[in-house]
C-alpha cells in the first residue's frame, strides 16, 4: 500500500506532550498501538509537512475555476 492508495483501515490518532518534554503521536489500529515521540523541533517540522500536504490536497481537489472537482 502506498501513500496514494485508499484503505478501509480505521485508526485512532492522539497527539500531545509527554512528561519528558517530547511530543507524542499515538496511533491505535486493529489492536496495535504505535507511540512515536519527537522533540519539539521535529514535531514542528512534521506539522509544517502536514500543512503543506493539506494545501497540495486542497489545490488538487479544485479545478482552475475554484469549484470542487467531481469524483
PDB file of N, CA and C in Angstrom:
ATOM      1  N   UNK A   1       0.855  -1.169   0.000  1.00  0.00           N
ATOM      2  CA  UNK A   1       0.000   0.000   0.000  1.00  0.00           C
ATOM      3  C   UNK A   1       0.898   1.228   0.000  1.00  0.00           C
ATOM      4  N   UNK A   2       0.564   2.176  -0.854  1.00  0.00           N
ATOM      5  CA  UNK A   2       1.340   3.403  -0.931  1.00  0.00           C
ATOM      6  C   UNK A   2       0.591   4.576  -0.331  1.00  0.00           C
ATOM      7  N   UNK A   3       1.225   5.703  -0.328  1.00  0.00           N
ATOM      8  CA  UNK A   3       0.645   6.910   0.254  1.00  0.00           C
ATOM      9  C   UNK A   3      -0.605   7.346  -0.488  1.00  0.00           C
ATOM     10  N   UNK A   4      -0.728   6.975  -1.761  1.00  0.00           N
ATOM     11  CA  UNK A   4      -1.852   7.420  -2.572  1.00  0.00           C
ATOM     12  C   UNK A   4      -2.905   6.323  -2.765  1.00  0.00           C
ATOM     13  N   UNK A   5      -2.834   5.260  -1.963  1.00  0.00           N
ATOM     14  CA  UNK A   5      -3.789   4.162  -2.063  1.00  0.00           C
ATOM     15  C   UNK A   5      -4.890   4.329  -1.017  1.00  0.00           C
ATOM     16  N   UNK A   6      -6.126   4.054  -1.409  1.00  0.00           N
ATOM     17  CA  UNK A   6      -7.219   4.099  -0.454  1.00  0.00           C
ATOM     18  C   UNK A   6      -7.154   2.884   0.452  1.00  0.00           C
ATOM     19  N   UNK A   7      -7.738   3.019   1.640  1.00  0.00           N
ATOM     20  CA  UNK A   7      -7.711   1.944   2.613  1.00  0.00           C
ATOM     21  C   UNK A   7      -9.000   1.938   3.415  1.00  0.00           C
ATOM     22  N   UNK A   8      -9.413   0.759   3.849  1.00  0.00           N
ATOM     23  CA  UNK A   8     -10.571   0.633   4.724  1.00  0.00           C
ATOM     24  C   UNK A   8     -10.162   0.562   6.188  1.00  0.00           C
ATOM     25  N   UNK A   9      -8.890   0.689   6.461  1.00  0.00           N
ATOM     26  CA  UNK A   9      -8.385   0.619   7.832  1.00  0.00           C
ATOM     27  C   UNK A   9      -8.772   1.891   8.570  1.00  0.00           C
ATOM     28  N   UNK A  10      -9.294   1.720   9.776  1.00  0.00           N
ATOM     29  CA  UNK A  10      -9.591   2.876  10.615  1.00  0.00           C
ATOM     30  C   UNK A  10      -8.606   2.885  11.781  1.00  0.00           C
ATOM     31  N   UNK A  11      -8.301   4.073  12.257  1.00  0.00           N
ATOM     32  CA  UNK A  11      -7.347   4.208  13.348  1.00  0.00           C
ATOM     33  C   UNK A  11      -7.720   5.399  14.208  1.00  0.00           C
ATOM     34  N   UNK A  12      -7.272   5.361  15.436  1.00  0.00           N
ATOM     35  CA  UNK A  12      -7.399   6.494  16.346  1.00  0.00           C
ATOM     36  C   UNK A  12      -6.045   7.184  16.408  1.00  0.00           C
ATOM     37  N   UNK A  13      -6.081   8.510  16.419  1.00  0.00           N
ATOM     38  CA  UNK A  13      -4.857   9.300  16.461  1.00  0.00           C
ATOM     39  C   UNK A  13      -4.948  10.286  17.614  1.00  0.00           C
ATOM     40  N   UNK A  14      -3.937  10.295  18.446  1.00  0.00           N
ATOM     41  CA  UNK A  14      -3.848  11.255  19.541  1.00  0.00           C
ATOM     42  C   UNK A  14      -2.494  11.937  19.454  1.00  0.00           C
ATOM     43  N   UNK A  15      -2.469  13.229  19.746  1.00  0.00           N
ATOM     44  CA  UNK A  15      -1.223  13.991  19.720  1.00  0.00           C
ATOM     45  C   UNK A  15      -1.175  14.842  20.982  1.00  0.00           C
ATOM     46  N   UNK A  16      -0.052  14.811  21.678  1.00  0.00           N
ATOM     47  CA  UNK A  16       0.065  15.631  22.876  1.00  0.00           C
ATOM     48  C   UNK A  16       1.480  15.598  23.431  1.00  0.00           C
ATOM     49  N   UNK A  17       1.728  16.448  24.432  1.00  0.00           N
ATOM     50  CA  UNK A  17       3.053  16.495  25.053  1.00  0.00           C
ATOM     51  C   UNK A  17       3.233  15.351  26.048  1.00  0.00           C
ATOM     52  N   UNK A  18       4.473  14.913  26.215  1.00  0.00           N
ATOM     53  CA  UNK A  18       4.783  13.908  27.236  1.00  0.00           C
ATOM     54  C   UNK A  18       5.366  14.621  28.459  1.00  0.00           C
ATOM     55  N   UNK A  19       5.493  13.869  29.535  1.00  0.00           N
ATOM     56  CA  UNK A  19       6.060  14.438  30.768  1.00  0.00           C
ATOM     57  C   UNK A  19       7.556  14.705  30.636  1.00  0.00           C
ATOM     58  N   UNK A  20       8.170  14.206  29.559  1.00  0.00           N
ATOM     59  CA  UNK A  20       9.604  14.403  29.343  1.00  0.00           C
ATOM     60  C   UNK A  20       9.904  15.497  28.321  1.00  0.00           C
ATOM     61  N   UNK A  21       8.886  16.286  27.944  1.00  0.00           N
ATOM     62  CA  UNK A  21       9.107  17.398  27.024  1.00  0.00           C
ATOM     63  C   UNK A  21       9.129  17.010  25.556  1.00  0.00           C
ATOM     64  N   UNK A  22       8.608  15.854  25.247  1.00  0.00           N
ATOM     65  CA  UNK A  22       8.526  15.398  23.865  1.00  0.00           C
ATOM     66  C   UNK A  22       7.089  15.585  23.373  1.00  0.00           C
ATOM     67  N   UNK A  23       6.898  15.465  22.084  1.00  0.00           N
ATOM     68  CA  UNK A  23       5.559  15.466  21.510  1.00  0.00           C
ATOM     69  C   UNK A  23       5.290  14.045  21.050  1.00  0.00           C
ATOM     70  N   UNK A  24       4.192  13.473  21.532  1.00  0.00           N
ATOM     71  CA  UNK A  24       3.865  12.094  21.165  1.00  0.00           C
ATOM     72  C   UNK A  24       2.722  12.077  20.166  1.00  0.00           C
ATOM     73  N   UNK A  25       2.926  11.323  19.091  1.00  0.00           N
ATOM     74  CA  UNK A  25       1.863  10.970  18.158  1.00  0.00           C
ATOM     75  C   UNK A  25       1.573   9.506  18.454  1.00  0.00           C
ATOM     76  N   UNK A  26       0.333   9.239  18.860  1.00  0.00           N
ATOM     77  CA  UNK A  26      -0.065   7.900  19.270  1.00  0.00           C
ATOM     78  C   UNK A  26      -1.126   7.398  18.310  1.00  0.00           C
ATOM     79  N   UNK A  27      -0.835   6.289  17.633  1.00  0.00           N
ATOM     80  CA  UNK A  27      -1.758   5.700  16.664  1.00  0.00           C
ATOM     81  C   UNK A  27      -2.182   4.338  17.182  1.00  0.00           C
ATOM     82  N   UNK A  28      -3.494   4.092  17.145  1.00  0.00           N
ATOM     83  CA  UNK A  28      -4.021   2.798  17.552  1.00  0.00           C
ATOM     84  C   UNK A  28      -4.937   2.289  16.450  1.00  0.00           C
ATOM     85  N   UNK A  29      -4.662   1.083  15.966  1.00  0.00           N
ATOM     86  CA  UNK A  29      -5.476   0.486  14.909  1.00  0.00           C
ATOM     87  C   UNK A  29      -5.393  -1.025  14.999  1.00  0.00           C
ATOM     88  N   UNK A  30      -6.536  -1.675  14.866  1.00  0.00           N
ATOM     89  CA  UNK A  30      -6.604  -3.135  14.829  1.00  0.00           C
ATOM     90  C   UNK A  30      -5.812  -3.781  15.966  1.00  0.00           C
ATOM     91  N   UNK A  31      -5.930  -3.233  17.170  1.00  0.00           N
ATOM     92  CA  UNK A  31      -5.250  -3.806  18.325  1.00  0.00           C
ATOM     93  C   UNK A  31      -3.774  -3.504  18.413  1.00  0.00           C
ATOM     94  N   UNK A  32      -3.258  -2.679  17.522  1.00  0.00           N
ATOM     95  CA  UNK A  32      -1.840  -2.307  17.542  1.00  0.00           C
ATOM     96  C   UNK A  32      -1.729  -0.864  18.013  1.00  0.00           C
ATOM     97  N   UNK A  33      -0.825  -0.614  18.942  1.00  0.00           N
ATOM     98  CA  UNK A  33      -0.581   0.744  19.439  1.00  0.00           C
ATOM     99  C   UNK A  33       0.822   1.171  19.026  1.00  0.00           C
ATOM    100  N   UNK A  34       0.920   2.361  18.429  1.00  0.00           N
ATOM    101  CA  UNK A  34       2.216   2.867  17.976  1.00  0.00           C
ATOM    102  C   UNK A  34       2.446   4.252  18.591  1.00  0.00           C
ATOM    103  N   UNK A  35       3.265   4.326  19.645  1.00  0.00           N
ATOM    104  CA  UNK A  35       3.633   5.622  20.199  1.00  0.00           C
ATOM    105  C   UNK A  35       4.902   6.126  19.515  1.00  0.00           C
ATOM    106  N   UNK A  36       4.848   7.348  19.002  1.00  0.00           N
ATOM    107  CA  UNK A  36       6.023   7.934  18.349  1.00  0.00           C
ATOM    108  C   UNK A  36       6.328   9.256  19.037  1.00  0.00           C
ATOM    109  N   UNK A  37       7.516   9.382  19.603  1.00  0.00           N
ATOM    110  CA  UNK A  37       7.921  10.593  20.311  1.00  0.00           C
ATOM    111  C   UNK A  37       8.900  11.401  19.473  1.00  0.00           C
ATOM    112  N   UNK A  38       8.684  12.723  19.479  1.00  0.00           N
ATOM    113  CA  UNK A  38       9.515  13.647  18.710  1.00  0.00           C
ATOM    114  C   UNK A  38       9.886  14.820  19.592  1.00  0.00           C
ATOM    115  N   UNK A  39      11.094  15.346  19.381  1.00  0.00           N
ATOM    116  CA  UNK A  39      11.409  16.572  20.108  1.00  0.00           C
ATOM    117  C   UNK A  39      10.585  17.707  19.481  1.00  0.00           C
ATOM    118  N   UNK A  40      10.405  18.809  20.190  1.00  0.00           N
ATOM    119  CA  UNK A  40       9.542  19.874  19.691  1.00  0.00           C
ATOM    120  C   UNK A  40       9.913  20.381  18.292  1.00  0.00           C
ATOM    121  N   UNK A  41      11.196  20.468  17.977  1.00  0.00           N
ATOM    122  CA  UNK A  41      11.596  20.930  16.644  1.00  0.00           C
ATOM    123  C   UNK A  41      11.155  19.947  15.562  1.00  0.00           C
ATOM    124  N   UNK A  42      11.339  18.659  15.828  1.00  0.00           N
ATOM    125  CA  UNK A  42      10.880  17.647  14.864  1.00  0.00           C
ATOM    126  C   UNK A  42       9.364  17.707  14.701  1.00  0.00           C
ATOM    127  N   UNK A  43       8.649  17.896  15.810  1.00  0.00           N
ATOM    128  CA  UNK A  43       7.185  17.969  15.758  1.00  0.00           C
ATOM    129  C   UNK A  43       6.731  19.160  14.913  1.00  0.00           C
ATOM    130  N   UNK A  44       7.428  20.282  15.025  1.00  0.00           N
ATOM    131  CA  UNK A  44       7.078  21.443  14.203  1.00  0.00           C
ATOM    132  C   UNK A  44       7.356  21.179  12.728  1.00  0.00           C
ATOM    133  N   UNK A  45       8.430  20.448  12.430  1.00  0.00           N
ATOM    134  CA  UNK A  45       8.708  20.084  11.033  1.00  0.00           C
ATOM    135  C   UNK A  45       7.599  19.186  10.487  1.00  0.00           C
ATOM    136  N   UNK A  46       7.140  18.239  11.305  1.00  0.00           N
ATOM    137  CA  UNK A  46       6.045  17.356  10.888  1.00  0.00           C
ATOM    138  C   UNK A  46       4.779  18.170  10.661  1.00  0.00           C
ATOM    139  N   UNK A  47       4.501  19.114  11.555  1.00  0.00           N
ATOM    140  CA  UNK A  47       3.321  19.973  11.399  1.00  0.00           C
ATOM    141  C   UNK A  47       3.410  20.777  10.103  1.00  0.00           C
ATOM    142  N   UNK A  48       4.591  21.280   9.783  1.00  0.00           N
ATOM    143  CA  UNK A  48       4.774  22.015   8.522  1.00  0.00           C
ATOM    144  C   UNK A  48       4.517  21.113   7.318  1.00  0.00           C
ATOM    145  N   UNK A  49       4.988  19.860   7.398  1.00  0.00           N
ATOM    146  CA  UNK A  49       4.761  18.914   6.300  1.00  0.00           C
ATOM    147  C   UNK A  49       3.272  18.595   6.145  1.00  0.00           C
ATOM    148  N   UNK A  50       2.565  18.464   7.260  1.00  0.00           N
ATOM    149  CA  UNK A  50       1.120  18.203   7.205  1.00  0.00           C
ATOM    150  C   UNK A  50       0.395  19.389   6.587  1.00  0.00           C
ATOM    151  N   UNK A  51       0.768  20.613   6.992  1.00  0.00           N
ATOM    152  CA  UNK A  51       0.131  21.810   6.410  1.00  0.00           C
ATOM    153  C   UNK A  51       0.389  21.893   4.908  1.00  0.00           C
ATOM    154  N   UNK A  52       1.625  21.607   4.497  1.00  0.00           N
ATOM    155  CA  UNK A  52       1.965  21.659   3.067  1.00  0.00           C
ATOM    156  C   UNK A  52       1.186  20.596   2.294  1.00  0.00           C
ATOM    157  N   UNK A  53       1.065  19.392   2.851  1.00  0.00           N
ATOM    158  CA  UNK A  53       0.307  18.336   2.181  1.00  0.00           C
ATOM    159  C   UNK A  53      -1.166  18.701   2.087  1.00  0.00           C
ATOM    160  N   UNK A  54      -1.710  19.326   3.136  1.00  0.00           N
ATOM    161  CA  UNK A  54      -3.111  19.759   3.111  1.00  0.00           C
ATOM    162  C   UNK A  54      -3.327  20.807   2.028  1.00  0.00           C
ATOM    163  N   UNK A  55      -2.385  21.725   1.891  1.00  0.00           N
ATOM    164  CA  UNK A  55      -2.502  22.758   0.849  1.00  0.00           C
ATOM    165  C   UNK A  55      -2.448  22.128  -0.542  1.00  0.00           C
ATOM    166  N   UNK A  56      -1.549  21.151  -0.738  1.00  0.00           N
ATOM    167  CA  UNK A  56      -1.476  20.478  -2.043  1.00  0.00           C
ATOM    168  C   UNK A  56      -2.736  19.680  -2.320  1.00  0.00           C
ATOM    169  N   UNK A  57      -3.274  19.009  -1.291  1.00  0.00           N
ATOM    170  CA  UNK A  57      -4.506  18.231  -1.468  1.00  0.00           C
ATOM    171  C   UNK A  57      -5.671  19.157  -1.802  1.00  0.00           C
ATOM    172  N   UNK A  58      -5.733  20.283  -1.113  1.00  0.00           N
ATOM    173  CA  UNK A  58      -6.798  21.255  -1.381  1.00  0.00           C
ATOM    174  C   UNK A  58      -6.700  21.763  -2.813  1.00  0.00           C
ATOM    175  N   UNK A  59      -5.491  22.072  -3.244  1.00  0.00           N
ATOM    176  CA  UNK A  59      -5.286  22.587  -4.601  1.00  0.00           C
ATOM    177  C   UNK A  59      -5.640  21.538  -5.655  1.00  0.00           C
ATOM    178  N   UNK A  60      -5.305  20.271  -5.391  1.00  0.00           N
ATOM    179  CA  UNK A  60      -5.603  19.240  -6.377  1.00  0.00           C
ATOM    180  C   UNK A  60      -7.086  18.904  -6.415  1.00  0.00           C
ATOM    181  N   UNK A  61      -7.819  19.237  -5.355  1.00  0.00           N
ATOM    182  CA  UNK A  61      -9.254  18.964  -5.307  1.00  0.00           C
ATOM    183  C   UNK A  61     -10.066  20.053  -6.003  1.00  0.00           C
ATOM    184  N   UNK A  62      -9.417  21.124  -6.370  1.00  0.00           N
ATOM    185  CA  UNK A  62     -10.116  22.233  -7.028  1.00  0.00           C
ATOM    186  C   UNK A  62      -9.731  22.311  -8.492  1.00  0.00           C
ATOM    187  N   UNK A  63     -10.700  22.661  -9.306  1.00  0.00           N
ATOM    188  CA  UNK A  63     -10.399  22.937 -10.711  1.00  0.00           C
ATOM    189  C   UNK A  63      -9.778  24.315 -10.797  1.00  0.00           C
ATOM    190  N   UNK A  64      -9.376  24.706 -11.958  1.00  0.00           N
ATOM    191  CA  UNK A  64      -8.800  26.019 -12.158  1.00  0.00           C
ATOM    192  C   UNK A  64      -9.757  27.152 -11.827  1.00  0.00           C
ATOM    193  N   UNK A  65     -11.084  26.905 -11.885  1.00  0.00           N
ATOM    194  CA  UNK A  65     -12.043  27.968 -11.610  1.00  0.00           C
ATOM    195  C   UNK A  65     -12.464  28.019 -10.144  1.00  0.00           C
ATOM    196  N   UNK A  66     -11.863  27.172  -9.302  1.00  0.00           N
ATOM    197  CA  UNK A  66     -12.150  27.221  -7.871  1.00  0.00           C
ATOM    198  C   UNK A  66     -13.328  26.376  -7.434  1.00  0.00           C
ATOM    199  N   UNK A  67     -13.952  25.675  -8.350  1.00  0.00           N
ATOM    200  CA  UNK A  67     -15.073  24.813  -7.953  1.00  0.00           C
ATOM    201  C   UNK A  67     -14.553  23.413  -7.653  1.00  0.00           C
ATOM    202  N   UNK A  68     -15.171  22.740  -6.693  1.00  0.00           N
ATOM    203  CA  UNK A  68     -14.705  21.388  -6.367  1.00  0.00           C
ATOM    204  C   UNK A  68     -14.815  20.442  -7.545  1.00  0.00           C
ATOM    205  N   UNK A  69     -13.824  19.587  -7.684  1.00  0.00           N
ATOM    206  CA  UNK A  69     -13.798  18.593  -8.735  1.00  0.00           C
ATOM    207  C   UNK A  69     -14.747  17.457  -8.370  1.00  0.00           C
ATOM    208  N   UNK A  70     -15.516  16.951  -9.323  1.00  0.00           N
ATOM    209  CA  UNK A  70     -16.408  15.815  -9.060  1.00  0.00           C
ATOM    210  C   UNK A  70     -15.617  14.530  -9.198  1.00  0.00           C
ATOM    211  N   UNK A  71     -15.905  13.596  -8.302  1.00  0.00           N
ATOM    212  CA  UNK A  71     -15.198  12.303  -8.299  1.00  0.00           C
ATOM    213  C   UNK A  71     -15.727  11.399  -9.376  1.00  0.00           C
TER     214      UNK A  71
END
